[in-house]
Amino acid sequence: MTSVKAEVLNVALTSSSVPFSYENEAGEWVGFNVDIAKAICEKIKASCTFHYLRFPEILPLVAEGKMDFALPNMLKTSERAAKVAFTVPYWRSTSSFVGPVDYNFSSAKRILEKDKICVIQNTRQMHFLQSLNEDKQDHLISTKSGAETIDALKKGACRFALMPTMQSLSFLQSENGKGFGYLGKPISGHGLGGNVHIIVRKDRPALLKEIDAALQEMVHEGLHEQITRKYFPFSIL
């Protein structure tokens, strides 16, 4: 059997998820997940080819063996675990509503009854909002990525958004984010938060073991925290 270290590995990341993986003004792919993926490839001594894709495309490609591993900021579910393998957690997520800072937030249901909410399609955030009020589905504005969600907010296509907390942090800290803020407390229930894992082809248990070992070593030696602080003002694991 050919060693993992002698192979070129195909690695998938999301294509527009600031600050996790995105293309900067210089045309370079950067972000927390990009740095984590590069560090893993270096530690397992693999030559990696990176592919930047939309979130819904990634799990099927890993399940089919067309991608060896991926960092799509994915939570583990029994349905997903039947298709791909999951590494040890490498950060912990929550979801948050984003909207006008002067809005008096009381509940998600109240927002949905009166206003339009942007949410990324085929995500747990969308399923949660759909479950709140079947009569107000037309108030949900479906987007394809975190970047598209933020762009829709800025353009006024929706007044609010529900998205992973970390995806909106850079926007809220920027000049463009003035006037917007987090509404209410971060949500971890209803499947909207939890441990985030890297996903790996199920037919590559040796690769899964190597990535787990690399992640644990990165945490132990402080490299994980060093990468974290490049993009976030606090620890996320």
Foldseek 3Di string as FASTA:
>chain_A
DDDQLVEEFEEEEADPQPQQWYQDPVRDIHHLVVVLVVLLCVQSNHHYDYDHHFLVPPLVCQLVVVGFWYAHQDDDDPVSCVRWPWADFLFKWFKFKKAFPPDQDDDPLVCLVPWAEEEEPPDLVLVVSCVSDVVRNVSYDYDRYLVRRVVCCLVVVTRMYMDIPLRCVVVCVDPSNPRMDTDDDTHCPSVRMTTTTMIGHPVCVVSSVSSNVSSVVCVVVVVSVVSVVVRDVDGGD
